[in-house]
C-alpha atoms as a PDB file:
ATOM      1  CA  UNK A   1       8.754  -6.722  52.161  1.00  0.00           C
ATOM      2  CA  UNK A   2       5.177  -6.806  50.792  1.00  0.00           C
ATOM      3  CA  UNK A   3       3.402  -3.565  50.226  1.00  0.00           C
ATOM      4  CA  UNK A   4       0.255  -2.987  52.340  1.00  0.00           C
ATOM      5  CA  UNK A   5      -2.908  -1.667  50.711  1.00  0.00           C
ATOM      6  CA  UNK A   6      -6.100  -0.570  52.420  1.00  0.00           C
ATOM      7  CA  UNK A   7      -9.470  -0.403  50.682  1.00  0.00           C
ATOM      8  CA  UNK A   8     -12.002   1.734  52.438  1.00  0.00           C
ATOM      9  CA  UNK A   9     -14.959  -0.199  50.694  1.00  0.00           C
ATOM     10  CA  UNK A  10     -15.073  -3.501  48.846  1.00  0.00           C
ATOM     11  CA  UNK A  11     -14.916  -2.843  45.010  1.00  0.00           C
ATOM     12  CA  UNK A  12     -15.689  -5.198  42.158  1.00  0.00           C
ATOM     13  CA  UNK A  13     -13.506  -8.357  42.255  1.00  0.00           C
ATOM     14  CA  UNK A  14     -11.769  -7.504  38.977  1.00  0.00           C
ATOM     15  CA  UNK A  15      -9.927  -4.579  40.751  1.00  0.00           C
ATOM     16  CA  UNK A  16      -9.206  -6.656  43.908  1.00  0.00           C
ATOM     17  CA  UNK A  17      -7.643  -9.399  41.692  1.00  0.00           C
ATOM     18  CA  UNK A  18      -5.242  -6.987  40.177  1.00  0.00           C
ATOM     19  CA  UNK A  19      -3.962  -6.129  43.638  1.00  0.00           C
ATOM     20  CA  UNK A  20      -3.923  -9.831  44.694  1.00  0.00           C
ATOM     21  CA  UNK A  21      -1.743 -10.825  41.652  1.00  0.00           C
ATOM     22  CA  UNK A  22       0.924  -8.535  43.051  1.00  0.00           C
ATOM     23  CA  UNK A  23       0.774 -10.439  46.308  1.00  0.00           C
ATOM     24  CA  UNK A  24       0.115  -7.259  48.334  1.00  0.00           C
ATOM     25  CA  UNK A  25      -1.185  -7.427  51.942  1.00  0.00           C
ATOM     26  CA  UNK A  26      -4.713  -6.356  51.463  1.00  0.00           C
ATOM     27  CA  UNK A  27      -7.050  -4.971  54.210  1.00  0.00           C
ATOM     28  CA  UNK A  28     -10.653  -4.321  53.093  1.00  0.00           C
ATOM     29  CA  UNK A  29     -13.497  -2.609  54.937  1.00  0.00           C
ATOM     30  CA  UNK A  30     -16.244  -5.286  54.339  1.00  0.00           C
ATOM     31  CA  UNK A  31     -19.023  -3.252  55.775  1.00  0.00           C
ATOM     32  CA  UNK A  32     -21.508  -1.809  53.333  1.00  0.00           C
ATOM     33  CA  UNK A  33     -20.973   1.731  54.755  1.00  0.00           C
ATOM     34  CA  UNK A  34     -17.993   4.219  55.001  1.00  0.00           C
ATOM     35  CA  UNK A  35     -15.329   3.407  57.362  1.00  0.00           C
ATOM     36  CA  UNK A  36     -15.143   5.521  60.532  1.00  0.00           C
ATOM     37  CA  UNK A  37     -12.484   8.150  60.442  1.00  0.00           C
ATOM     38  CA  UNK A  38     -10.700   6.739  63.576  1.00  0.00           C
ATOM     39  CA  UNK A  39     -10.514   3.236  62.017  1.00  0.00           C
ATOM     40  CA  UNK A  40      -9.194   4.848  58.762  1.00  0.00           C
ATOM     41  CA  UNK A  41      -6.450   6.540  60.847  1.00  0.00           C
ATOM     42  CA  UNK A  42      -5.402   3.151  62.320  1.00  0.00           C
ATOM     43  CA  UNK A  43      -5.531   1.369  58.985  1.00  0.00           C
ATOM     44  CA  UNK A  44      -3.611   4.018  57.053  1.00  0.00           C
ATOM     45  CA  UNK A  45      -0.744   3.980  59.582  1.00  0.00           C
ATOM     46  CA  UNK A  46       0.378   0.684  58.178  1.00  0.00           C
ATOM     47  CA  UNK A  47      -0.517   1.312  54.523  1.00  0.00           C
ATOM     48  CA  UNK A  48       1.768   1.995  51.574  1.00  0.00           C
ATOM     49  CA  UNK A  49      -1.485   2.656  49.355  1.00  0.00           C
ATOM     50  CA  UNK A  50      -4.946   3.809  50.097  1.00  0.00           C
ATOM     51  CA  UNK A  51      -7.873   3.108  47.878  1.00  0.00           C
ATOM     52  CA  UNK A  52     -10.714   5.430  48.881  1.00  0.00           C
ATOM     53  CA  UNK A  53     -14.220   6.541  48.001  1.00  0.00           C
ATOM     54  CA  UNK A  54     -15.565  10.018  47.554  1.00  0.00           C
ATOM     55  CA  UNK A  55     -17.269   9.737  50.943  1.00  0.00           C
ATOM     56  CA  UNK A  56     -13.943   9.335  52.823  1.00  0.00           C
ATOM     57  CA  UNK A  57     -12.163  12.493  54.360  1.00  0.00           C
ATOM     58  CA  UNK A  58      -8.734  12.423  53.383  1.00  0.00           C
ATOM     59  CA  UNK A  59      -7.166  15.329  55.242  1.00  0.00           C
ATOM     60  CA  UNK A  60      -3.833  16.318  56.700  1.00  0.00           C
ATOM     61  CA  UNK A  61      -4.399  14.293  59.919  1.00  0.00           C
ATOM     62  CA  UNK A  62      -4.893  11.197  57.821  1.00  0.00           C
ATOM     63  CA  UNK A  63      -1.850  11.786  55.646  1.00  0.00           C
ATOM     64  CA  UNK A  64       0.343  12.438  58.612  1.00  0.00           C
ATOM     65  CA  UNK A  65      -0.810   9.138  60.139  1.00  0.00           C
ATOM     66  CA  UNK A  66       0.180   7.342  56.890  1.00  0.00           C
ATOM     67  CA  UNK A  67       3.850   7.509  57.403  1.00  0.00           C
ATOM     68  CA  UNK A  68       4.533   5.082  54.617  1.00  0.00           C
ATOM     69  CA  UNK A  69       1.776   6.258  52.302  1.00  0.00           C
ATOM     70  CA  UNK A  70       2.844   6.565  48.693  1.00  0.00           C
ATOM     71  CA  UNK A  71      -0.386   6.764  46.776  1.00  0.00           C
ATOM     72  CA  UNK A  72      -3.999   7.767  47.381  1.00  0.00           C
ATOM     73  CA  UNK A  73      -6.187   6.124  44.642  1.00  0.00           C
ATOM     74  CA  UNK A  74      -9.531   7.643  44.397  1.00  0.00           C
ATOM     75  CA  UNK A  75     -12.390   5.393  43.292  1.00  0.00           C
ATOM     76  CA  UNK A  76     -13.940   8.362  41.646  1.00  0.00           C
ATOM     77  CA  UNK A  77     -13.404  11.242  39.279  1.00  0.00           C
ATOM     78  CA  UNK A  78     -13.937  13.885  41.873  1.00  0.00           C
ATOM     79  CA  UNK A  79     -11.100  14.452  44.427  1.00  0.00           C
ATOM     80  CA  UNK A  80     -12.704  17.348  46.460  1.00  0.00           C
ATOM     81  CA  UNK A  81     -12.592  15.047  49.512  1.00  0.00           C
ATOM     82  CA  UNK A  82      -8.831  14.895  49.294  1.00  0.00           C
ATOM     83  CA  UNK A  83      -6.399  17.604  50.346  1.00  0.00           C
ATOM     84  CA  UNK A  84      -4.431  17.277  47.166  1.00  0.00           C
ATOM     85  CA  UNK A  85      -2.164  20.287  47.921  1.00  0.00           C
ATOM     86  CA  UNK A  86      -1.008  18.768  51.234  1.00  0.00           C
ATOM     87  CA  UNK A  87      -0.609  15.291  49.544  1.00  0.00           C
ATOM     88  CA  UNK A  88       1.813  16.964  47.023  1.00  0.00           C
ATOM     89  CA  UNK A  89       3.861  18.542  49.950  1.00  0.00           C
ATOM     90  CA  UNK A  90       4.093  15.084  51.461  1.00  0.00           C
ATOM     91  CA  UNK A  91       5.200  13.564  48.219  1.00  0.00           C
ATOM     92  CA  UNK A  92       2.020  11.295  48.053  1.00  0.00           C
ATOM     93  CA  UNK A  93       0.734  10.645  44.526  1.00  0.00           C
ATOM     94  CA  UNK A  94      -3.150  11.141  44.125  1.00  0.00           C
ATOM     95  CA  UNK A  95      -4.917   9.339  41.337  1.00  0.00           C
ATOM     96  CA  UNK A  96      -8.485   9.186  40.106  1.00  0.00           C
ATOM     97  CA  UNK A  97     -10.635   7.278  37.467  1.00  0.00           C
ATOM     98  CA  UNK A  98     -11.713   9.787  34.796  1.00  0.00           C
ATOM     99  CA  UNK A  99     -13.402   9.050  31.475  1.00  0.00           C
ATOM    100  CA  UNK A 100     -14.979   5.653  32.186  1.00  0.00           C
ATOM    101  CA  UNK A 101     -18.085   7.011  33.904  1.00  0.00           C
ATOM    102  CA  UNK A 102     -18.847   9.715  31.305  1.00  0.00           C
ATOM    103  CA  UNK A 103     -21.571   7.808  29.410  1.00  0.00           C
ATOM    104  CA  UNK A 104     -23.070   6.270  32.530  1.00  0.00           C
ATOM    105  CA  UNK A 105     -23.423   9.702  34.191  1.00  0.00           C
ATOM    106  CA  UNK A 106     -24.815  11.222  31.011  1.00  0.00           C
ATOM    107  CA  UNK A 107     -27.452   8.431  30.735  1.00  0.00           C
ATOM    108  CA  UNK A 108     -28.608   8.905  34.346  1.00  0.00           C
ATOM    109  CA  UNK A 109     -28.915  12.651  33.520  1.00  0.00           C
ATOM    110  CA  UNK A 110     -31.302  11.745  30.854  1.00  0.00           C
ATOM    111  CA  UNK A 111     -33.157   9.278  33.158  1.00  0.00           C
ATOM    112  CA  UNK A 112     -33.715  12.202  35.506  1.00  0.00           C
ATOM    113  CA  UNK A 113     -34.791  14.526  32.621  1.00  0.00           C
ATOM    114  CA  UNK A 114     -37.435  12.071  31.435  1.00  0.00           C
ATOM    115  CA  UNK A 115     -38.508  11.344  34.968  1.00  0.00           C
ATOM    116  CA  UNK A 116     -39.096  15.055  35.645  1.00  0.00           C
ATOM    117  CA  UNK A 117     -40.709  15.818  32.300  1.00  0.00           C
ATOM    118  CA  UNK A 118     -43.040  12.852  32.207  1.00  0.00           C
ATOM    119  CA  UNK A 119     -43.645  12.631  36.172  1.00  0.00           C
ATOM    120  CA  UNK A 120     -42.308   9.018  36.015  1.00  0.00           C
ATOM    121  CA  UNK A 121     -41.584   8.524  39.748  1.00  0.00           C
ATOM    122  CA  UNK A 122     -44.738  10.315  40.847  1.00  0.00           C
ATOM    123  CA  UNK A 123     -46.873   8.195  38.479  1.00  0.00           C
ATOM    124  CA  UNK A 124     -45.154   5.004  39.829  1.00  0.00           C
ATOM    125  CA  UNK A 125     -46.100   5.971  43.395  1.00  0.00           C
ATOM    126  CA  UNK A 126     -49.626   6.799  42.159  1.00  0.00           C
ATOM    127  CA  UNK A 127     -50.121   3.232  40.857  1.00  0.00           C
ATOM    128  CA  UNK A 128     -48.452   1.479  43.775  1.00  0.00           C
ATOM    129  CA  UNK A 129     -50.657   3.338  46.163  1.00  0.00           C
ATOM    130  CA  UNK A 130     -53.713   1.906  44.420  1.00  0.00           C
ATOM    131  CA  UNK A 131     -54.877   5.200  43.231  1.00  0.00           C
ATOM    132  CA  UNK A 132     -55.109   4.362  39.441  1.00  0.00           C
ATOM    133  CA  UNK A 133     -58.802   3.616  39.005  1.00  0.00           C
ATOM    134  CA  UNK A 134     -59.565   4.893  35.611  1.00  0.00           C
ATOM    135  CA  UNK A 135     -57.682   6.701  32.734  1.00  0.00           C
ATOM    136  CA  UNK A 136     -58.375  10.361  32.412  1.00  0.00           C
ATOM    137  CA  UNK A 137     -57.390  13.113  29.830  1.00  0.00           C
ATOM    138  CA  UNK A 138     -55.748  15.177  32.422  1.00  0.00           C
ATOM    139  CA  UNK A 139     -54.085  12.432  34.520  1.00  0.00           C
ATOM    140  CA  UNK A 140     -50.511  13.306  35.531  1.00  0.00           C
ATOM    141  CA  UNK A 141     -49.845  15.460  32.535  1.00  0.00           C
ATOM    142  CA  UNK A 142     -46.094  16.070  31.764  1.00  0.00           C
ATOM    143  CA  UNK A 143     -44.103  18.064  29.226  1.00  0.00           C
ATOM    144  CA  UNK A 144     -42.731  17.255  25.825  1.00  0.00           C
ATOM    145  CA  UNK A 145     -38.987  17.473  25.412  1.00  0.00           C
ATOM    146  CA  UNK A 146     -38.806  17.509  21.703  1.00  0.00           C
ATOM    147  CA  UNK A 147     -37.976  20.962  20.359  1.00  0.00           C
ATOM    148  CA  UNK A 148     -37.372  22.430  23.746  1.00  0.00           C
ATOM    149  CA  UNK A 149     -34.184  24.160  25.000  1.00  0.00           C
ATOM    150  CA  UNK A 150     -31.705  22.277  26.943  1.00  0.00           C
ATOM    151  CA  UNK A 151     -29.213  24.317  29.119  1.00  0.00           C
ATOM    152  CA  UNK A 152     -25.939  22.629  30.056  1.00  0.00           C
ATOM    153  CA  UNK A 153     -23.926  24.211  32.975  1.00  0.00           C
ATOM    154  CA  UNK A 154     -20.421  22.862  32.585  1.00  0.00           C
ATOM    155  CA  UNK A 155     -19.460  21.497  29.132  1.00  0.00           C
ATOM    156  CA  UNK A 156     -16.739  18.934  30.140  1.00  0.00           C
ATOM    157  CA  UNK A 157     -16.966  15.162  29.065  1.00  0.00           C
ATOM    158  CA  UNK A 158     -20.311  14.572  30.727  1.00  0.00           C
ATOM    159  CA  UNK A 159     -22.020  17.752  29.784  1.00  0.00           C
ATOM    160  CA  UNK A 160     -20.946  17.317  26.090  1.00  0.00           C
ATOM    161  CA  UNK A 161     -22.196  13.775  26.130  1.00  0.00           C
ATOM    162  CA  UNK A 162     -25.599  14.985  27.483  1.00  0.00           C
ATOM    163  CA  UNK A 163     -25.765  17.605  24.826  1.00  0.00           C
ATOM    164  CA  UNK A 164     -24.851  15.266  21.947  1.00  0.00           C
ATOM    165  CA  UNK A 165     -27.806  13.080  22.969  1.00  0.00           C
ATOM    166  CA  UNK A 166     -30.254  16.030  22.805  1.00  0.00           C
ATOM    167  CA  UNK A 167     -29.904  16.016  19.108  1.00  0.00           C
ATOM    168  CA  UNK A 168     -32.107  12.779  18.936  1.00  0.00           C
ATOM    169  CA  UNK A 169     -34.920  14.844  20.410  1.00  0.00           C
ATOM    170  CA  UNK A 170     -34.449  17.849  18.245  1.00  0.00           C
ATOM    171  CA  UNK A 171     -33.652  20.073  21.150  1.00  0.00           C
ATOM    172  CA  UNK A 172     -31.868  23.346  21.105  1.00  0.00           C
ATOM    173  CA  UNK A 173     -28.667  23.264  23.208  1.00  0.00           C
ATOM    174  CA  UNK A 174     -27.261  26.106  25.134  1.00  0.00           C
ATOM    175  CA  UNK A 175     -24.086  25.676  27.243  1.00  0.00           C
ATOM    176  CA  UNK A 176     -22.267  27.696  29.881  1.00  0.00           C
ATOM    177  CA  UNK A 177     -18.566  26.974  30.205  1.00  0.00           C
ATOM    178  CA  UNK A 178     -15.380  28.913  31.114  1.00  0.00           C
ATOM    179  CA  UNK A 179     -14.033  28.273  27.584  1.00  0.00           C
ATOM    180  CA  UNK A 180     -15.715  27.830  24.197  1.00  0.00           C
ATOM    181  CA  UNK A 181     -15.943  24.296  22.966  1.00  0.00           C
ATOM    182  CA  UNK A 182     -15.983  24.496  19.096  1.00  0.00           C
ATOM    183  CA  UNK A 183     -16.171  20.725  18.551  1.00  0.00           C
ATOM    184  CA  UNK A 184     -19.073  20.409  20.934  1.00  0.00           C
ATOM    185  CA  UNK A 185     -20.912  23.336  19.135  1.00  0.00           C
ATOM    186  CA  UNK A 186     -20.508  21.482  15.877  1.00  0.00           C
ATOM    187  CA  UNK A 187     -21.537  18.073  17.084  1.00  0.00           C
ATOM    188  CA  UNK A 188     -24.504  19.104  19.124  1.00  0.00           C
ATOM    189  CA  UNK A 189     -25.448  22.309  17.273  1.00  0.00           C
ATOM    190  CA  UNK A 190     -24.783  23.968  20.700  1.00  0.00           C
ATOM    191  CA  UNK A 191     -24.490  27.562  21.385  1.00  0.00           C
ATOM    192  CA  UNK A 192     -22.431  29.082  24.153  1.00  0.00           C
ATOM    193  CA  UNK A 193     -24.350  31.486  26.455  1.00  0.00           C
ATOM    194  CA  UNK A 194     -23.979  33.464  29.648  1.00  0.00           C
ATOM    195  CA  UNK A 195     -25.278  31.891  32.758  1.00  0.00           C
ATOM    196  CA  UNK A 196     -28.064  34.472  33.015  1.00  0.00           C
ATOM    197  CA  UNK A 197     -29.101  33.858  29.378  1.00  0.00           C
ATOM    198  CA  UNK A 198     -28.948  30.056  29.750  1.00  0.00           C
ATOM    199  CA  UNK A 199     -31.163  30.171  32.893  1.00  0.00           C
ATOM    200  CA  UNK A 200     -33.798  32.500  31.353  1.00  0.00           C
ATOM    201  CA  UNK A 201     -34.142  30.617  28.082  1.00  0.00           C
ATOM    202  CA  UNK A 202     -33.813  26.886  28.949  1.00  0.00           C
ATOM    203  CA  UNK A 203     -36.745  24.523  29.456  1.00  0.00           C
ATOM    204  CA  UNK A 204     -34.390  21.982  30.969  1.00  0.00           C
ATOM    205  CA  UNK A 205     -31.194  22.684  32.862  1.00  0.00           C
ATOM    206  CA  UNK A 206     -28.544  20.109  33.724  1.00  0.00           C
ATOM    207  CA  UNK A 207     -25.533  20.708  36.073  1.00  0.00           C
ATOM    208  CA  UNK A 208     -22.083  19.201  35.377  1.00  0.00           C
ATOM    209  CA  UNK A 209     -19.540  21.450  37.170  1.00  0.00           C
ATOM    210  CA  UNK A 210     -16.750  20.139  39.474  1.00  0.00           C
ATOM    211  CA  UNK A 211     -16.866  21.156  43.161  1.00  0.00           C
ATOM    212  CA  UNK A 212     -14.397  23.863  43.917  1.00  0.00           C
ATOM    213  CA  UNK A 213     -14.222  26.875  46.243  1.00  0.00           C
ATOM    214  CA  UNK A 214     -15.596  28.906  43.398  1.00  0.00           C
ATOM    215  CA  UNK A 215     -18.516  26.676  42.472  1.00  0.00           C
ATOM    216  CA  UNK A 216     -19.763  26.003  45.983  1.00  0.00           C
ATOM    217  CA  UNK A 217     -23.450  27.291  46.081  1.00  0.00           C
ATOM    218  CA  UNK A 218     -22.975  28.302  42.468  1.00  0.00           C
ATOM    219  CA  UNK A 219     -26.801  27.822  42.146  1.00  0.00           C
ATOM    220  CA  UNK A 220     -28.883  29.555  44.675  1.00  0.00           C
ATOM    221  CA  UNK A 221     -32.239  31.396  44.929  1.00  0.00           C
ATOM    222  CA  UNK A 222     -30.966  34.260  42.652  1.00  0.00           C
ATOM    223  CA  UNK A 223     -30.200  31.835  39.832  1.00  0.00           C
ATOM    224  CA  UNK A 224     -33.433  29.790  40.345  1.00  0.00           C
ATOM    225  CA  UNK A 225     -35.526  32.880  40.083  1.00  0.00           C
ATOM    226  CA  UNK A 226     -34.171  33.496  36.674  1.00  0.00           C
ATOM    227  CA  UNK A 227     -35.484  30.169  35.460  1.00  0.00           C
ATOM    228  CA  UNK A 228     -38.921  29.743  33.727  1.00  0.00           C
ATOM    229  CA  UNK A 229     -41.619  28.605  36.097  1.00  0.00           C
ATOM    230  CA  UNK A 230     -42.129  25.695  33.614  1.00  0.00           C
ATOM    231  CA  UNK A 231     -38.469  24.675  33.740  1.00  0.00           C
ATOM    232  CA  UNK A 232     -36.816  21.552  35.323  1.00  0.00           C
ATOM    233  CA  UNK A 233     -33.425  21.506  36.959  1.00  0.00           C
ATOM    234  CA  UNK A 234     -31.190  18.412  37.173  1.00  0.00           C
ATOM    235  CA  UNK A 235     -28.021  17.990  39.300  1.00  0.00           C
ATOM    236  CA  UNK A 236     -25.702  15.002  38.762  1.00  0.00           C
ATOM    237  CA  UNK A 237     -22.488  16.857  39.530  1.00  0.00           C
ATOM    238  CA  UNK A 238     -21.921  17.612  43.255  1.00  0.00           C
ATOM    239  CA  UNK A 239     -24.527  18.428  45.891  1.00  0.00           C
ATOM    240  CA  UNK A 240     -22.704  21.503  47.421  1.00  0.00           C
ATOM    241  CA  UNK A 241     -22.806  23.333  44.119  1.00  0.00           C
ATOM    242  CA  UNK A 242     -26.532  23.929  44.742  1.00  0.00           C
ATOM    243  CA  UNK A 243     -27.840  25.671  47.847  1.00  0.00           C
ATOM    244  CA  UNK A 244     -30.310  22.885  48.757  1.00  0.00           C
ATOM    245  CA  UNK A 245     -32.591  24.936  50.965  1.00  0.00           C
ATOM    246  CA  UNK A 246     -32.953  27.433  48.085  1.00  0.00           C
ATOM    247  CA  UNK A 247     -33.943  24.648  45.675  1.00  0.00           C
ATOM    248  CA  UNK A 248     -36.475  23.346  48.114  1.00  0.00           C
ATOM    249  CA  UNK A 249     -37.966  26.979  48.457  1.00  0.00           C
ATOM    250  CA  UNK A 250     -38.148  27.436  44.664  1.00  0.00           C
ATOM    251  CA  UNK A 251     -39.996  24.080  44.312  1.00  0.00           C
ATOM    252  CA  UNK A 252     -42.329  24.825  47.115  1.00  0.00           C
ATOM    253  CA  UNK A 253     -43.238  28.174  45.723  1.00  0.00           C
ATOM    254  CA  UNK A 254     -43.454  27.091  42.179  1.00  0.00           C
ATOM    255  CA  UNK A 255     -40.537  29.174  40.927  1.00  0.00           C
ATOM    256  CA  UNK A 256     -39.577  26.205  38.853  1.00  0.00           C
ATOM    257  CA  UNK A 257     -41.712  23.126  37.717  1.00  0.00           C
ATOM    258  CA  UNK A 258     -39.508  20.299  39.135  1.00  0.00           C
ATOM    259  CA  UNK A 259     -36.049  18.849  39.771  1.00  0.00           C
ATOM    260  CA  UNK A 260     -34.081  15.668  39.553  1.00  0.00           C
ATOM    261  CA  UNK A 261     -31.164  15.075  41.958  1.00  0.00           C
ATOM    262  CA  UNK A 262     -28.543  12.469  42.119  1.00  0.00           C
ATOM    263  CA  UNK A 263     -26.365  14.243  44.654  1.00  0.00           C
ATOM    264  CA  UNK A 264     -26.959  16.229  47.752  1.00  0.00           C
ATOM    265  CA  UNK A 265     -25.525  19.104  49.682  1.00  0.00           C
ATOM    266  CA  UNK A 266     -24.980  17.026  52.904  1.00  0.00           C
ATOM    267  CA  UNK A 267     -24.979  13.632  51.365  1.00  0.00           C
ATOM    268  CA  UNK A 268     -26.432  11.201  52.249  1.00  0.00           C
ATOM    269  CA  UNK A 269     -28.791  13.558  54.065  1.00  0.00           C
ATOM    270  CA  UNK A 270     -31.439  15.133  52.027  1.00  0.00           C
ATOM    271  CA  UNK A 271     -33.162  18.404  52.748  1.00  0.00           C
ATOM    272  CA  UNK A 272     -36.488  17.297  54.401  1.00  0.00           C
ATOM    273  CA  UNK A 273     -38.537  19.735  52.311  1.00  0.00           C
ATOM    274  CA  UNK A 274     -37.416  17.811  49.068  1.00  0.00           C
ATOM    275  CA  UNK A 275     -38.580  14.520  50.540  1.00  0.00           C
ATOM    276  CA  UNK A 276     -42.092  15.753  50.760  1.00  0.00           C
ATOM    277  CA  UNK A 277     -42.475  16.947  47.238  1.00  0.00           C
ATOM    278  CA  UNK A 278     -43.955  15.013  44.291  1.00  0.00           C
ATOM    279  CA  UNK A 279     -42.232  17.190  41.615  1.00  0.00           C
ATOM    280  CA  UNK A 280     -38.704  16.006  42.681  1.00  0.00           C
ATOM    281  CA  UNK A 281     -36.971  12.766  41.589  1.00  0.00           C
ATOM    282  CA  UNK A 282     -34.380  11.652  44.084  1.00  0.00           C
ATOM    283  CA  UNK A 283     -31.608   9.093  43.292  1.00  0.00           C
ATOM    284  CA  UNK A 284     -28.943   7.719  45.697  1.00  0.00           C
ATOM    285  CA  UNK A 285     -25.884   8.935  43.754  1.00  0.00           C
ATOM    286  CA  UNK A 286     -26.274   6.496  40.908  1.00  0.00           C
ATOM    287  CA  UNK A 287     -24.312   8.447  38.249  1.00  0.00           C
ATOM    288  CA  UNK A 288     -21.670   5.817  37.558  1.00  0.00           C
ATOM    289  CA  UNK A 289     -23.797   2.885  38.769  1.00  0.00           C
ATOM    290  CA  UNK A 290     -23.460   0.517  35.828  1.00  0.00           C
ATOM    291  CA  UNK A 291     -21.641  -2.801  35.978  1.00  0.00           C
ATOM    292  CA  UNK A 292     -19.380  -1.694  33.131  1.00  0.00           C
ATOM    293  CA  UNK A 293     -18.371   1.655  34.632  1.00  0.00           C
ATOM    294  CA  UNK A 294     -17.979   0.470  38.202  1.00  0.00           C
ATOM    295  CA  UNK A 295     -15.898  -2.506  37.124  1.00  0.00           C
ATOM    296  CA  UNK A 296     -13.629  -0.384  34.987  1.00  0.00           C
ATOM    297  CA  UNK A 297     -13.219   2.090  37.786  1.00  0.00           C
ATOM    298  CA  UNK A 298     -12.086  -0.620  39.972  1.00  0.00           C
ATOM    299  CA  UNK A 299      -9.472  -1.769  37.481  1.00  0.00           C
ATOM    300  CA  UNK A 300      -8.156   1.658  36.966  1.00  0.00           C
ATOM    301  CA  UNK A 301      -7.963   2.478  40.703  1.00  0.00           C
ATOM    302  CA  UNK A 302      -6.007  -0.784  41.201  1.00  0.00           C
ATOM    303  CA  UNK A 303      -3.734  -0.182  38.226  1.00  0.00           C
ATOM    304  CA  UNK A 304      -2.911   3.186  39.528  1.00  0.00           C
ATOM    305  CA  UNK A 305      -1.760   1.713  42.764  1.00  0.00           C
ATOM    306  CA  UNK A 306       0.337  -0.926  41.115  1.00  0.00           C
ATOM    307  CA  UNK A 307       2.057   1.608  38.909  1.00  0.00           C
ATOM    308  CA  UNK A 308       3.031   3.834  41.865  1.00  0.00           C
ATOM    309  CA  UNK A 309       4.207   0.942  44.041  1.00  0.00           C
ATOM    310  CA  UNK A 310       6.386  -0.213  41.121  1.00  0.00           C
ATOM    311  CA  UNK A 311       7.959   3.212  40.748  1.00  0.00           C
ATOM    312  CA  UNK A 312       6.141   3.889  37.494  1.00  0.00           C
ATOM    313  CA  UNK A 313       3.851   6.894  36.449  1.00  0.00           C
ATOM    314  CA  UNK A 314       0.162   6.028  36.978  1.00  0.00           C
ATOM    315  CA  UNK A 315      -2.193   6.548  34.095  1.00  0.00           C
ATOM    316  CA  UNK A 316      -4.403   9.041  35.929  1.00  0.00           C
ATOM    317  CA  UNK A 317      -2.278  11.177  38.220  1.00  0.00           C
ATOM    318  CA  UNK A 318      -4.015  14.272  39.714  1.00  0.00           C
ATOM    319  CA  UNK A 319      -1.031  16.018  41.360  1.00  0.00           C
END
C-alpha cells in the first residue's frame, strides 16, 4: 500500500521530486495561501505524513484526526506551531530543517540594520514620490555603523553569524544568552552581558531568541525604555517575543530611533501604528528567502519524511 503525504503549501520542486521518487500518493495545497484548518483536518485523516509550514496550526485535534499519521515534517526551524508534547504521546515523529537558513537569516538581519541606519526604505519612498528635487547637506541623514556597539539577544547559530559579520565594520559586540559561548567570544571579539547592560549600551540590537512560554513578550516597554534614544531594534526571530503595541509606542514617542522587522506578533497582521511610521522597515518574513536556503529546506523536509516512512531515524528529529 502506498504511503500518503500531504503538503500544506507547494515547496520547491527538488523536495517534491524526492517524494515522487518514492511513489508516494501526494496531495498538495496549490493555493498561494495557508490551507484552511477544516481542509487540513480532512486531508490529514488520510495521510501517513504531513509536510507543514510555520503558519499551520498543528494541534491535538489535528493529530487525533490523523489516525495513520507517522511524521510531521516542518518546513521551518521553529516548531512553536506544533504541539510536540502531544505528538510524542501519540508516537508521531516531528522533524524540522535547522542549519540551512542560518546565513540567509543573518544576512537579512544585516539588510534590516543597514536599512534602519541609512534610512534606505524611507529614501526609496522619497524618490518614488517625486520629492527628490535637489541634493542637500541635511537630506535624510542616517547613522554610521562602524565603531558602534551591536547587541545580540540570543547567541544561537543565527545570532553568532550576525556577530561574526560585525567584525567587518569594526563594531563592538555584546551578547545576551543563557550560557556563555567561548568560541563566539573569540571569533567575534564578543562580550557576554546582562540584558539590562546590553539594552543600555548598544547602538543596534538584534533579536534571535526562539519563541517559548518564557520568551513570549520578552521585549516590552520596560526593555525599550532602557535603550538609547538613538538606538535601533531589529527582530528576525518570532513576532510574539516583542509586545508590538509597546514597540509602536516607543517609536512614536522617540524612545528609540527606529526598527526593522521581519516577523510580527499576529502575523501576517501588522500593528497599524507601525505601518504609518517612516522610521520602521517592514519585511514579509523573508529570513530564509533565498533560492539556496528554501531549496535545501525542501530537500531536508522531504528526506525527513522518507526516512520515517522507511522506518529509519530522520536527520533532524525534534521529539
